[in-house]
Amino acid sequence: MTFDSDLTRLEAIVAELEHSDLPLDRALKLFEEGVACVRSASNQLSQAEAQVQQLLEQSDGTFRLDPLGG
């Protein structure tokens, strides 16, 4: 899933969990799915953060993006 699709799904899960008449087994399944979406989105944010940290300013004021681990 993409970051945006993870967030969209999380919003849908939250909306469904807010219904007080939701059966417990359905609520637990939604909760588990929500945790998976949060983990996926968090991993994607970590990867993006690592890429941003690789952006280095050159002496002439321009920037270069070094590959991760480089």
PDB file of N, CA and C in Angstrom:
ATOM      1  N   MET A   1       0.835  -1.179   0.000  1.00  0.00           N
ATOM      2  CA  MET A   1       0.000   0.000   0.000  1.00  0.00           C
ATOM      3  C   MET A   1       0.883   1.248   0.000  1.00  0.00           C
ATOM      4  N   THR A   2       0.339   2.302  -0.513  1.00  0.00           N
ATOM      5  CA  THR A   2       1.046   3.572  -0.460  1.00  0.00           C
ATOM      6  C   THR A   2       0.708   4.280   0.851  1.00  0.00           C
ATOM      7  N   PHE A   3       1.483   5.305   1.173  1.00  0.00           N
ATOM      8  CA  PHE A   3       1.240   6.068   2.388  1.00  0.00           C
ATOM      9  C   PHE A   3      -0.175   6.634   2.372  1.00  0.00           C
ATOM     10  N   ASP A   4      -0.569   7.223   1.239  1.00  0.00           N
ATOM     11  CA  ASP A   4      -1.907   7.809   1.141  1.00  0.00           C
ATOM     12  C   ASP A   4      -3.005   6.761   1.293  1.00  0.00           C
ATOM     13  N   SER A   5      -2.813   5.605   0.707  1.00  0.00           N
ATOM     14  CA  SER A   5      -3.845   4.568   0.830  1.00  0.00           C
ATOM     15  C   SER A   5      -3.900   4.025   2.259  1.00  0.00           C
ATOM     16  N   ASP A   6      -2.743   3.963   2.933  1.00  0.00           N
ATOM     17  CA  ASP A   6      -2.739   3.565   4.345  1.00  0.00           C
ATOM     18  C   ASP A   6      -3.555   4.550   5.177  1.00  0.00           C
ATOM     19  N   LEU A   7      -3.334   5.847   4.952  1.00  0.00           N
ATOM     20  CA  LEU A   7      -4.074   6.855   5.716  1.00  0.00           C
ATOM     21  C   LEU A   7      -5.569   6.820   5.410  1.00  0.00           C
ATOM     22  N   THR A   8      -5.903   6.639   4.146  1.00  0.00           N
ATOM     23  CA  THR A   8      -7.311   6.560   3.758  1.00  0.00           C
ATOM     24  C   THR A   8      -7.983   5.371   4.434  1.00  0.00           C
ATOM     25  N   ARG A   9      -7.298   4.236   4.431  1.00  0.00           N
ATOM     26  CA  ARG A   9      -7.866   3.041   5.071  1.00  0.00           C
ATOM     27  C   ARG A   9      -7.992   3.247   6.575  1.00  0.00           C
ATOM     28  N   LEU A  10      -6.979   3.882   7.191  1.00  0.00           N
ATOM     29  CA  LEU A  10      -7.058   4.157   8.627  1.00  0.00           C
ATOM     30  C   LEU A  10      -8.266   5.025   8.963  1.00  0.00           C
ATOM     31  N   GLU A  11      -8.520   6.028   8.147  1.00  0.00           N
ATOM     32  CA  GLU A  11      -9.688   6.888   8.374  1.00  0.00           C
ATOM     33  C   GLU A  11     -10.983   6.076   8.305  1.00  0.00           C
ATOM     34  N   ALA A  12     -11.054   5.170   7.340  1.00  0.00           N
ATOM     35  CA  ALA A  12     -12.246   4.327   7.213  1.00  0.00           C
ATOM     36  C   ALA A  12     -12.393   3.397   8.419  1.00  0.00           C
ATOM     37  N   ILE A  13     -11.277   2.868   8.895  1.00  0.00           N
ATOM     38  CA  ILE A  13     -11.299   1.984  10.060  1.00  0.00           C
ATOM     39  C   ILE A  13     -11.772   2.743  11.294  1.00  0.00           C
ATOM     40  N   VAL A  14     -11.225   3.930  11.498  1.00  0.00           N
ATOM     41  CA  VAL A  14     -11.630   4.742  12.651  1.00  0.00           C
ATOM     42  C   VAL A  14     -13.122   5.044  12.591  1.00  0.00           C
ATOM     43  N   ALA A  15     -13.605   5.409  11.407  1.00  0.00           N
ATOM     44  CA  ALA A  15     -15.028   5.719  11.263  1.00  0.00           C
ATOM     45  C   ALA A  15     -15.884   4.511  11.621  1.00  0.00           C
ATOM     46  N   GLU A  16     -15.457   3.332  11.181  1.00  0.00           N
ATOM     47  CA  GLU A  16     -16.234   2.131  11.489  1.00  0.00           C
ATOM     48  C   GLU A  16     -16.139   1.767  12.973  1.00  0.00           C
ATOM     49  N   LEU A  17     -14.965   1.959  13.566  1.00  0.00           N
ATOM     50  CA  LEU A  17     -14.800   1.642  14.988  1.00  0.00           C
ATOM     51  C   LEU A  17     -15.594   2.577  15.888  1.00  0.00           C
ATOM     52  N   GLU A  18     -15.903   3.742  15.405  1.00  0.00           N
ATOM     53  CA  GLU A  18     -16.666   4.703  16.210  1.00  0.00           C
ATOM     54  C   GLU A  18     -18.122   4.310  16.380  1.00  0.00           C
ATOM     55  N   HIS A  19     -18.589   3.338  15.614  1.00  0.00           N
ATOM     56  CA  HIS A  19     -19.969   2.859  15.788  1.00  0.00           C
ATOM     57  C   HIS A  19     -20.030   1.989  17.038  1.00  0.00           C
ATOM     58  N   SER A  20     -20.870   2.358  17.955  1.00  0.00           N
ATOM     59  CA  SER A  20     -20.941   1.632  19.224  1.00  0.00           C
ATOM     60  C   SER A  20     -21.592   0.260  19.089  1.00  0.00           C
ATOM     61  N   ASP A  21     -22.299   0.018  18.003  1.00  0.00           N
ATOM     62  CA  ASP A  21     -22.988  -1.259  17.842  1.00  0.00           C
ATOM     63  C   ASP A  21     -22.140  -2.282  17.075  1.00  0.00           C
ATOM     64  N   LEU A  22     -20.865  -2.036  16.933  1.00  0.00           N
ATOM     65  CA  LEU A  22     -19.965  -2.929  16.202  1.00  0.00           C
ATOM     66  C   LEU A  22     -19.678  -4.175  17.043  1.00  0.00           C
ATOM     67  N   PRO A  23     -19.839  -5.362  16.456  1.00  0.00           N
ATOM     68  CA  PRO A  23     -19.522  -6.592  17.207  1.00  0.00           C
ATOM     69  C   PRO A  23     -18.036  -6.636  17.574  1.00  0.00           C
ATOM     70  N   LEU A  24     -17.735  -7.225  18.703  1.00  0.00           N
ATOM     71  CA  LEU A  24     -16.374  -7.262  19.212  1.00  0.00           C
ATOM     72  C   LEU A  24     -15.398  -7.911  18.235  1.00  0.00           C
ATOM     73  N   ASP A  25     -15.790  -9.031  17.622  1.00  0.00           N
ATOM     74  CA  ASP A  25     -14.875  -9.704  16.707  1.00  0.00           C
ATOM     75  C   ASP A  25     -14.545  -8.825  15.501  1.00  0.00           C
ATOM     76  N   ARG A  26     -15.519  -8.075  15.006  1.00  0.00           N
ATOM     77  CA  ARG A  26     -15.274  -7.155  13.890  1.00  0.00           C
ATOM     78  C   ARG A  26     -14.364  -6.004  14.339  1.00  0.00           C
ATOM     79  N   ALA A  27     -14.595  -5.502  15.529  1.00  0.00           N
ATOM     80  CA  ALA A  27     -13.774  -4.419  16.064  1.00  0.00           C
ATOM     81  C   ALA A  27     -12.321  -4.858  16.217  1.00  0.00           C
ATOM     82  N   LEU A  28     -12.110  -6.078  16.692  1.00  0.00           N
ATOM     83  CA  LEU A  28     -10.747  -6.588  16.851  1.00  0.00           C
ATOM     84  C   LEU A  28     -10.046  -6.749  15.502  1.00  0.00           C
ATOM     85  N   LYS A  29     -10.769  -7.250  14.507  1.00  0.00           N
ATOM     86  CA  LYS A  29     -10.192  -7.390  13.175  1.00  0.00           C
ATOM     87  C   LYS A  29      -9.821  -6.035  12.586  1.00  0.00           C
ATOM     88  N   LEU A  30     -10.699  -5.065  12.775  1.00  0.00           N
ATOM     89  CA  LEU A  30     -10.407  -3.718  12.297  1.00  0.00           C
ATOM     90  C   LEU A  30      -9.210  -3.122  13.025  1.00  0.00           C
ATOM     91  N   PHE A  31      -9.146  -3.347  14.327  1.00  0.00           N
ATOM     92  CA  PHE A  31      -8.022  -2.840  15.106  1.00  0.00           C
ATOM     93  C   PHE A  31      -6.706  -3.430  14.597  1.00  0.00           C
ATOM     94  N   GLU A  32      -6.686  -4.734  14.359  1.00  0.00           N
ATOM     95  CA  GLU A  32      -5.484  -5.399  13.841  1.00  0.00           C
ATOM     96  C   GLU A  32      -5.093  -4.819  12.482  1.00  0.00           C
ATOM     97  N   GLU A  33      -6.070  -4.617  11.626  1.00  0.00           N
ATOM     98  CA  GLU A  33      -5.796  -4.042  10.311  1.00  0.00           C
ATOM     99  C   GLU A  33      -5.259  -2.616  10.458  1.00  0.00           C
ATOM    100  N   GLY A  34      -5.825  -1.878  11.385  1.00  0.00           N
ATOM    101  CA  GLY A  34      -5.366  -0.510  11.631  1.00  0.00           C
ATOM    102  C   GLY A  34      -3.922  -0.472  12.092  1.00  0.00           C
ATOM    103  N   VAL A  35      -3.555  -1.385  12.980  1.00  0.00           N
ATOM    104  CA  VAL A  35      -2.165  -1.460  13.445  1.00  0.00           C
ATOM    105  C   VAL A  35      -1.235  -1.754  12.272  1.00  0.00           C
ATOM    106  N   ALA A  36      -1.637  -2.641  11.392  1.00  0.00           N
ATOM    107  CA  ALA A  36      -0.818  -2.954  10.217  1.00  0.00           C
ATOM    108  C   ALA A  36      -0.660  -1.722   9.317  1.00  0.00           C
ATOM    109  N   CYS A  37      -1.722  -0.960   9.141  1.00  0.00           N
ATOM    110  CA  CYS A  37      -1.656   0.261   8.337  1.00  0.00           C
ATOM    111  C   CYS A  37      -0.730   1.293   8.978  1.00  0.00           C
ATOM    112  N   VAL A  38      -0.807   1.426  10.296  1.00  0.00           N
ATOM    113  CA  VAL A  38       0.067   2.368  11.006  1.00  0.00           C
ATOM    114  C   VAL A  38       1.526   1.953  10.848  1.00  0.00           C
ATOM    115  N   ARG A  39       1.804   0.675  10.979  1.00  0.00           N
ATOM    116  CA  ARG A  39       3.185   0.200  10.817  1.00  0.00           C
ATOM    117  C   ARG A  39       3.691   0.466   9.406  1.00  0.00           C
ATOM    118  N   SER A  40       2.863   0.184   8.423  1.00  0.00           N
ATOM    119  CA  SER A  40       3.244   0.421   7.035  1.00  0.00           C
ATOM    120  C   SER A  40       3.514   1.902   6.780  1.00  0.00           C
ATOM    121  N   ALA A  41       2.616   2.752   7.241  1.00  0.00           N
ATOM    122  CA  ALA A  41       2.793   4.195   7.053  1.00  0.00           C
ATOM    123  C   ALA A  41       4.035   4.687   7.789  1.00  0.00           C
ATOM    124  N   SER A  42       4.269   4.177   8.976  1.00  0.00           N
ATOM    125  CA  SER A  42       5.445   4.570   9.754  1.00  0.00           C
ATOM    126  C   SER A  42       6.735   4.173   9.037  1.00  0.00           C
ATOM    127  N   ASN A  43       6.755   2.969   8.480  1.00  0.00           N
ATOM    128  CA  ASN A  43       7.933   2.531   7.723  1.00  0.00           C
ATOM    129  C   ASN A  43       8.179   3.430   6.511  1.00  0.00           C
ATOM    130  N   GLN A  44       7.111   3.790   5.836  1.00  0.00           N
ATOM    131  CA  GLN A  44       7.254   4.660   4.675  1.00  0.00           C
ATOM    132  C   GLN A  44       7.768   6.041   5.084  1.00  0.00           C
ATOM    133  N   LEU A  45       7.294   6.560   6.205  1.00  0.00           N
ATOM    134  CA  LEU A  45       7.785   7.847   6.702  1.00  0.00           C
ATOM    135  C   LEU A  45       9.261   7.756   7.089  1.00  0.00           C
ATOM    136  N   SER A  46       9.663   6.664   7.695  1.00  0.00           N
ATOM    137  CA  SER A  46      11.066   6.476   8.064  1.00  0.00           C
ATOM    138  C   SER A  46      11.959   6.457   6.833  1.00  0.00           C
ATOM    139  N   GLN A  47      11.497   5.790   5.791  1.00  0.00           N
ATOM    140  CA  GLN A  47      12.266   5.750   4.540  1.00  0.00           C
ATOM    141  C   GLN A  47      12.380   7.138   3.924  1.00  0.00           C
ATOM    142  N   ALA A  48      11.293   7.888   3.943  1.00  0.00           N
ATOM    143  CA  ALA A  48      11.311   9.245   3.397  1.00  0.00           C
ATOM    144  C   ALA A  48      12.246  10.128   4.220  1.00  0.00           C
ATOM    145  N   GLU A  49      12.208   9.983   5.527  1.00  0.00           N
ATOM    146  CA  GLU A  49      13.080  10.765   6.396  1.00  0.00           C
ATOM    147  C   GLU A  49      14.545  10.454   6.112  1.00  0.00           C
ATOM    148  N   ALA A  50      14.863   9.186   5.899  1.00  0.00           N
ATOM    149  CA  ALA A  50      16.235   8.806   5.585  1.00  0.00           C
ATOM    150  C   ALA A  50      16.687   9.436   4.268  1.00  0.00           C
ATOM    151  N   GLN A  51      15.795   9.490   3.286  1.00  0.00           N
ATOM    152  CA  GLN A  51      16.141  10.116   2.015  1.00  0.00           C
ATOM    153  C   GLN A  51      16.401  11.602   2.201  1.00  0.00           C
ATOM    154  N   VAL A  52      15.575  12.264   2.978  1.00  0.00           N
ATOM    155  CA  VAL A  52      15.744  13.697   3.217  1.00  0.00           C
ATOM    156  C   VAL A  52      17.076  13.947   3.920  1.00  0.00           C
ATOM    157  N   GLN A  53      17.432  13.081   4.850  1.00  0.00           N
ATOM    158  CA  GLN A  53      18.693  13.240   5.565  1.00  0.00           C
ATOM    159  C   GLN A  53      19.895  13.071   4.647  1.00  0.00           C
ATOM    160  N   GLN A  54      19.700  12.407   3.531  1.00  0.00           N
ATOM    161  CA  GLN A  54      20.789  12.204   2.588  1.00  0.00           C
ATOM    162  C   GLN A  54      21.001  13.410   1.670  1.00  0.00           C
ATOM    163  N   LEU A  55      20.095  14.370   1.729  1.00  0.00           N
ATOM    164  CA  LEU A  55      20.198  15.558   0.898  1.00  0.00           C
ATOM    165  C   LEU A  55      21.279  16.474   1.472  1.00  0.00           C
ATOM    166  N   LEU A  56      22.335  16.658   0.706  1.00  0.00           N
ATOM    167  CA  LEU A  56      23.490  17.407   1.192  1.00  0.00           C
ATOM    168  C   LEU A  56      23.696  18.669   0.382  1.00  0.00           C
ATOM    169  N   GLU A  57      24.036  19.756   1.070  1.00  0.00           N
ATOM    170  CA  GLU A  57      24.303  21.013   0.388  1.00  0.00           C
ATOM    171  C   GLU A  57      25.744  21.024  -0.105  1.00  0.00           C
ATOM    172  N   GLN A  58      25.911  21.436  -1.355  1.00  0.00           N
ATOM    173  CA  GLN A  58      27.233  21.549  -1.966  1.00  0.00           C
ATOM    174  C   GLN A  58      27.828  22.922  -1.645  1.00  0.00           C
ATOM    175  N   SER A  59      29.110  23.068  -1.862  1.00  0.00           N
ATOM    176  CA  SER A  59      29.781  24.334  -1.574  1.00  0.00           C
ATOM    177  C   SER A  59      29.257  25.479  -2.443  1.00  0.00           C
ATOM    178  N   ASP A  60      28.707  25.164  -3.626  1.00  0.00           N
ATOM    179  CA  ASP A  60      28.187  26.219  -4.502  1.00  0.00           C
ATOM    180  C   ASP A  60      26.729  26.569  -4.190  1.00  0.00           C
ATOM    181  N   GLY A  61      26.181  26.013  -3.111  1.00  0.00           N
ATOM    182  CA  GLY A  61      24.815  26.325  -2.710  1.00  0.00           C
ATOM    183  C   GLY A  61      23.771  25.403  -3.298  1.00  0.00           C
ATOM    184  N   THR A  62      24.169  24.516  -4.200  1.00  0.00           N
ATOM    185  CA  THR A  62      23.222  23.549  -4.755  1.00  0.00           C
ATOM    186  C   THR A  62      23.152  22.335  -3.826  1.00  0.00           C
ATOM    187  N   PHE A  63      22.221  21.464  -4.112  1.00  0.00           N
ATOM    188  CA  PHE A  63      22.040  20.281  -3.290  1.00  0.00           C
ATOM    189  C   PHE A  63      22.193  19.029  -4.138  1.00  0.00           C
ATOM    190  N   ARG A  64      22.594  17.946  -3.494  1.00  0.00           N
ATOM    191  CA  ARG A  64      22.631  16.641  -4.160  1.00  0.00           C
ATOM    192  C   ARG A  64      21.966  15.639  -3.239  1.00  0.00           C
ATOM    193  N   LEU A  65      21.385  14.638  -3.824  1.00  0.00           N
ATOM    194  CA  LEU A  65      20.737  13.585  -3.037  1.00  0.00           C
ATOM    195  C   LEU A  65      21.616  12.354  -3.138  1.00  0.00           C
ATOM    196  N   ASP A  66      22.260  12.012  -2.027  1.00  0.00           N
ATOM    197  CA  ASP A  66      23.090  10.828  -1.988  1.00  0.00           C
ATOM    198  C   ASP A  66      22.227   9.596  -1.763  1.00  0.00           C
ATOM    199  N   PRO A  67      22.565   8.481  -2.367  1.00  0.00           N
ATOM    200  CA  PRO A  67      21.780   7.259  -2.131  1.00  0.00           C
ATOM    201  C   PRO A  67      21.874   6.839  -0.670  1.00  0.00           C
ATOM    202  N   LEU A  68      20.835   6.164  -0.207  1.00  0.00           N
ATOM    203  CA  LEU A  68      20.837   5.683   1.175  1.00  0.00           C
ATOM    204  C   LEU A  68      22.046   4.793   1.406  1.00  0.00           C
ATOM    205  N   GLY A  69      22.664   4.967   2.541  1.00  0.00           N
ATOM    206  CA  GLY A  69      23.828   4.156   2.869  1.00  0.00           C
ATOM    207  C   GLY A  69      25.089   4.619   2.177  1.00  0.00           C
ATOM    208  N   GLY A  70      25.008   5.715   1.432  1.00  0.00           N
ATOM    209  CA  GLY A  70      26.173   6.181   0.684  1.00  0.00           C
ATOM    210  C   GLY A  70      26.905   7.161   1.423  1.00  0.00           C
TER     211      GLY A  70
END
